[in-house]
Amino acid sequence: MKNSITLFFAVILFSTTMNAQLKPVKYSEGSQALNGLFIKSAKKSSNNPGILLLPAWLGIDNASKGIAEELSKLGYHVFIADIYGEGNYPANTSEAGKQAGFYKSNPEAYQKRINAALQELVKSGANADNIVAIGYCFGGTGVLEAVRGHLNIKGAASFHGGLGKDAARKTESAAAKILICHGADDPFVPKEEIASFQQEMRDSKADWQMIYYANSVHSFTNPEAGNDNSKGAAYNPVAAKRSFEHLQLFLNEVLKK
């Protein structure tokens, strides 16, 4: 059973390597040239629901491409954001850590970069008032910044993302609905950060939910993360499948199709 689940989700994530529907999109934020990817919905809808996908810290990867393709089959226009831009793509995790660290420490810059991608999603055909942002790891932090920055999204779904914000930042009301999919054994998100985030949600009067997945650490949705939980980041096919199903429930609730 476990092997069949692994195969099922791996096929979803890597099917884009044989599909030409993902289209490169050149855009910019300020003077920075950016390169995103767009895939249109496989289903016609007068409501044109859209999903803005924020990838993990290494940038646009196989996992984000595969998820975008699967979501397009379910009836969503999907745009994968380029946060770093030309000349800034990390070659390894060390560089990725520095790049991601800059945006985590400069949330306004992160919000502007996210908003630039959001506008491209709208230009590509999504209804500006019918969009959810989803993100993985670093991107999971990003979707929360989209909420904090009051970007025009109906909901935000974070998968194994960082949850914290500087305590000196003001907590404001949150209009978008929020879904947090979290590995129960994730060593990179301290209990104190989780507690602070949950208090932020209460103080902001947010409509939020947080789901924990057993035996799961960081990066549990990514087959390229390996399977050794002791490293702190590893793929868990059961949690990956369950979290994708929880995402679909969330999208069905939040977006008009």
Protein backbone atom coordinates (compact mmCIF):
# COMPACT_ATOMS: atom_id res chain seq x y z
CA MET A 1 0.00 0.00 0.00
CA LYS A 2 2.79 2.41 0.96
CA ASN A 3 4.61 1.81 -2.32
CA SER A 4 1.44 2.44 -4.31
CA ILE A 5 0.87 5.76 -2.53
CA THR A 6 4.48 6.79 -3.17
CA LEU A 7 4.15 5.96 -6.85
CA PHE A 8 0.81 7.79 -7.11
CA PHE A 9 2.08 11.05 -5.69
CA ALA A 10 5.46 10.88 -7.43
CA VAL A 11 3.69 10.56 -10.77
CA ILE A 12 1.66 13.69 -9.95
CA LEU A 13 4.73 15.69 -8.99
CA PHE A 14 6.93 14.77 -11.90
CA SER A 15 4.43 14.48 -14.74
CA THR A 16 5.31 17.96 -15.98
CA THR A 17 8.55 16.72 -17.46
CA MET A 18 6.46 15.26 -20.29
CA ASN A 19 3.95 18.08 -20.58
CA ALA A 20 4.36 21.26 -22.59
CA GLN A 21 1.49 23.20 -21.06
CA LEU A 22 3.60 25.14 -18.59
CA LYS A 23 4.49 28.39 -20.33
CA PRO A 24 7.42 30.64 -19.40
CA VAL A 25 6.43 34.20 -18.55
CA LYS A 26 8.93 37.06 -18.45
CA TYR A 27 7.95 39.88 -16.12
CA SER A 28 9.58 42.28 -13.70
CA GLU A 29 9.36 43.94 -10.31
CA GLY A 30 11.09 47.29 -10.33
CA SER A 31 14.33 46.81 -12.26
CA GLN A 32 14.54 43.07 -11.54
CA ALA A 33 13.82 40.72 -14.45
CA LEU A 34 11.81 37.66 -13.41
CA ASN A 35 10.90 34.35 -15.03
CA GLY A 36 7.71 32.66 -13.90
CA LEU A 37 5.64 29.80 -15.28
CA PHE A 38 1.94 29.76 -16.10
CA ILE A 39 -0.44 26.93 -16.85
CA LYS A 40 -4.05 27.58 -17.73
CA SER A 41 -7.01 25.67 -16.37
CA ALA A 42 -7.95 22.52 -18.24
CA LYS A 43 -11.58 23.36 -17.54
CA LYS A 44 -13.58 26.36 -18.72
CA SER A 45 -15.16 28.50 -16.02
CA SER A 46 -16.72 31.95 -16.00
CA ASN A 47 -15.22 32.44 -12.54
CA ASN A 48 -11.61 31.77 -13.68
CA PRO A 49 -10.22 30.70 -10.28
CA GLY A 50 -6.49 31.24 -9.90
CA ILE A 51 -3.68 29.87 -7.76
CA LEU A 52 -0.44 31.68 -7.11
CA LEU A 53 2.23 29.11 -6.25
CA LEU A 54 5.31 30.18 -4.27
CA PRO A 55 8.07 27.56 -4.50
CA ALA A 56 10.60 26.46 -1.89
CA TRP A 57 13.93 28.19 -1.26
CA LEU A 58 15.77 26.74 -4.26
CA GLY A 59 13.25 28.39 -6.57
CA ILE A 60 11.02 26.87 -9.24
CA ASP A 61 11.55 23.10 -9.06
CA ASN A 62 10.07 19.82 -10.30
CA ALA A 63 7.74 19.60 -7.32
CA SER A 64 6.17 23.01 -7.91
CA LYS A 65 5.80 22.30 -11.63
CA GLY A 66 4.05 19.01 -10.96
CA ILE A 67 1.69 20.50 -8.42
CA ALA A 68 0.84 23.34 -10.83
CA GLU A 69 -0.01 20.87 -13.56
CA GLU A 70 -2.22 18.81 -11.28
CA LEU A 71 -4.08 21.89 -10.09
CA SER A 72 -4.68 23.01 -13.66
CA LYS A 73 -6.37 19.67 -14.32
CA LEU A 74 -8.68 20.40 -11.39
CA GLY A 75 -9.81 23.67 -12.95
CA TYR A 76 -7.41 26.38 -11.81
CA HIS A 77 -5.16 28.85 -13.62
CA VAL A 78 -1.78 28.55 -11.90
CA PHE A 79 1.22 30.89 -11.88
CA ILE A 80 4.52 29.82 -10.31
CA ALA A 81 6.32 32.89 -8.99
CA ASP A 82 9.98 33.70 -9.45
CA ILE A 83 11.06 35.40 -6.24
CA TYR A 84 14.80 35.79 -6.81
CA GLY A 85 15.02 36.87 -10.45
CA GLU A 86 17.69 36.73 -13.13
CA GLY A 87 21.23 36.82 -11.77
CA ASN A 88 20.13 35.72 -8.31
CA TYR A 89 19.21 32.06 -8.68
CA PRO A 90 20.85 29.97 -5.95
CA ALA A 91 23.17 27.17 -7.04
CA ASN A 92 23.03 25.34 -3.71
CA THR A 93 21.30 25.35 -0.34
CA SER A 94 23.84 27.73 1.16
CA GLU A 95 23.04 30.37 -1.45
CA ALA A 96 19.34 29.60 -1.13
CA GLY A 97 19.53 30.19 2.61
CA LYS A 98 21.06 33.62 2.09
CA GLN A 99 18.52 34.60 -0.56
CA ALA A 100 15.53 33.35 1.41
CA GLY A 101 16.92 34.92 4.57
CA PHE A 102 16.96 38.34 2.92
CA TYR A 103 13.26 38.19 2.08
CA LYS A 104 12.31 36.79 5.47
CA SER A 105 14.12 39.73 7.06
CA ASN A 106 12.62 42.20 4.59
CA PRO A 107 8.94 41.27 4.41
CA GLU A 108 7.93 44.36 2.43
CA ALA A 109 10.36 43.38 -0.33
CA TYR A 110 8.96 39.85 -0.25
CA GLN A 111 5.40 41.16 -0.45
CA LYS A 112 6.26 43.33 -3.48
CA ARG A 113 7.85 40.39 -5.27
CA ILE A 114 4.82 38.20 -4.51
CA ASN A 115 2.44 40.91 -5.67
CA ALA A 116 4.28 41.21 -8.99
CA ALA A 117 3.62 37.50 -9.60
CA LEU A 118 0.02 37.91 -8.49
CA GLN A 119 -0.51 40.57 -11.14
CA GLU A 120 0.92 38.26 -13.79
CA LEU A 121 -1.55 35.57 -12.77
CA VAL A 122 -4.37 38.04 -13.33
CA LYS A 123 -2.92 39.14 -16.67
CA SER A 124 -2.81 35.48 -17.70
CA GLY A 125 -6.55 35.07 -17.19
CA ALA A 126 -7.33 34.49 -13.52
CA ASN A 127 -10.10 36.46 -11.83
CA ALA A 128 -8.39 39.04 -9.62
CA ASP A 129 -10.99 38.49 -6.90
CA ASN A 130 -10.89 34.68 -7.00
CA ILE A 131 -7.31 33.70 -6.13
CA VAL A 132 -5.60 31.60 -3.47
CA ALA A 133 -1.85 31.66 -2.78
CA ILE A 134 -0.12 28.40 -1.88
CA GLY A 135 3.49 27.94 -0.87
CA TYR A 136 6.05 25.35 0.16
CA CYS A 137 8.81 25.84 2.77
CA PHE A 138 10.13 29.36 2.00
CA GLY A 139 7.04 29.82 -0.16
CA GLY A 140 4.90 28.76 2.76
CA THR A 141 6.32 31.71 4.66
CA GLY A 142 5.56 33.85 1.62
CA VAL A 143 1.84 33.15 1.51
CA LEU A 144 1.56 34.31 5.12
CA GLU A 145 3.36 37.50 4.15
CA ALA A 146 0.81 37.90 1.36
CA VAL A 147 -1.90 37.81 4.02
CA ARG A 148 -0.01 40.16 6.33
CA GLY A 149 0.56 42.53 3.42
CA HIS A 150 -3.14 42.56 2.55
CA LEU A 151 -2.58 41.36 -1.00
CA ASN A 152 -5.75 40.61 -2.95
CA ILE A 153 -6.14 36.90 -2.25
CA LYS A 154 -9.09 34.97 -0.86
CA GLY A 155 -6.98 32.38 0.92
CA ALA A 156 -3.46 31.18 1.70
CA ALA A 157 -2.23 27.61 2.13
CA SER A 158 1.21 27.00 3.65
CA PHE A 159 2.96 23.61 3.47
CA HIS A 160 5.87 23.02 5.89
CA GLY A 161 6.50 26.77 5.88
CA GLY A 162 8.02 29.10 8.42
CA LEU A 163 5.31 30.74 10.50
CA GLY A 164 6.99 33.48 12.48
CA LYS A 165 7.23 37.22 12.12
CA ASP A 166 9.25 39.83 13.97
CA ALA A 167 7.55 40.52 17.29
CA ALA A 168 8.01 44.24 16.68
CA ARG A 169 5.71 44.11 13.67
CA LYS A 170 2.13 45.10 14.30
CA THR A 171 -0.50 42.37 14.06
CA GLU A 172 -3.35 43.48 11.82
CA SER A 173 -6.64 41.92 10.81
CA ALA A 174 -6.44 39.07 8.31
CA ALA A 175 -9.10 38.96 5.61
CA ALA A 176 -7.91 35.85 3.76
CA LYS A 177 -8.66 32.36 5.02
CA ILE A 178 -5.59 30.40 6.07
CA LEU A 179 -4.62 26.71 5.91
CA ILE A 180 -1.42 25.49 7.55
CA CYS A 181 -0.20 21.97 6.67
CA HIS A 182 2.56 21.13 9.13
CA GLY A 183 4.80 18.17 9.84
CA ALA A 184 4.24 17.10 13.43
CA ASP A 185 7.97 16.42 13.86
CA ASP A 186 9.35 19.39 11.86
CA PRO A 187 12.55 20.42 13.71
CA PHE A 188 12.91 23.72 11.84
CA VAL A 189 9.81 25.36 13.27
CA PRO A 190 10.20 25.74 17.05
CA LYS A 191 7.24 25.29 19.38
CA GLU A 192 7.60 28.92 20.40
CA GLU A 193 7.17 30.02 16.78
CA ILE A 194 4.04 27.89 16.43
CA ALA A 195 2.60 29.32 19.64
CA SER A 196 3.33 32.89 18.52
CA PHE A 197 1.78 32.25 15.12
CA GLN A 198 -1.38 30.81 16.63
CA GLN A 199 -1.66 33.82 18.92
CA GLU A 200 -1.21 36.08 15.89
CA MET A 201 -4.07 34.27 14.19
CA ARG A 202 -6.32 34.80 17.20
CA ASP A 203 -5.35 38.46 17.52
CA SER A 204 -5.91 39.08 13.80
CA LYS A 205 -9.36 37.46 13.97
CA ALA A 206 -8.33 35.19 11.11
CA ASP A 207 -10.30 32.24 9.77
CA TRP A 208 -7.50 29.70 10.10
CA GLN A 209 -6.84 26.01 10.48
CA MET A 210 -3.66 24.07 11.19
CA ILE A 211 -3.29 20.38 10.38
CA TYR A 212 -0.46 18.25 11.74
CA TYR A 213 0.80 15.15 9.90
CA ALA A 214 2.24 12.27 11.91
CA ASN A 215 5.81 11.06 11.32
CA SER A 216 6.45 14.06 9.10
CA VAL A 217 9.30 16.55 9.13
CA HIS A 218 10.17 19.47 6.87
CA SER A 219 9.63 19.15 3.08
CA PHE A 220 7.21 16.25 3.48
CA THR A 221 5.55 16.99 0.11
CA ASN A 222 8.74 16.81 -1.97
CA PRO A 223 9.91 13.40 -3.29
CA GLU A 224 13.38 14.87 -3.87
CA ALA A 225 13.83 15.41 -0.11
CA GLY A 226 14.73 11.76 0.48
CA ASN A 227 13.20 9.55 3.16
CA ASP A 228 15.45 10.01 6.21
CA ASN A 229 13.49 11.88 8.87
CA SER A 230 16.62 12.19 11.01
CA LYS A 231 17.94 14.81 8.57
CA GLY A 232 15.02 17.07 9.45
CA ALA A 233 13.68 17.22 5.90
CA ALA A 234 12.19 14.18 4.16
CA TYR A 235 9.37 13.11 1.88
CA ASN A 236 6.36 11.43 3.44
CA PRO A 237 4.02 10.08 0.73
CA VAL A 238 1.06 9.63 3.08
CA ALA A 239 1.32 13.18 4.42
CA ALA A 240 1.87 14.51 0.90
CA LYS A 241 -1.29 12.83 -0.35
CA ARG A 242 -3.35 13.86 2.66
CA SER A 243 -2.19 17.47 2.51
CA PHE A 244 -3.04 17.69 -1.19
CA GLU A 245 -6.51 16.42 -0.40
CA HIS A 246 -6.83 19.00 2.38
CA LEU A 247 -5.76 21.66 -0.12
CA GLN A 248 -8.53 20.61 -2.49
CA LEU A 249 -11.12 20.90 0.30
CA PHE A 250 -9.78 24.35 1.13
CA LEU A 251 -9.89 25.50 -2.50
CA ASN A 252 -13.42 24.19 -2.92
CA GLU A 253 -14.48 26.22 0.10
CA VAL A 254 -12.67 29.45 -0.72
CA LEU A 255 -12.80 29.81 -4.50
CA LYS A 256 -15.69 30.01 -6.96
CA LYS A 257 -15.30 27.47 -9.78
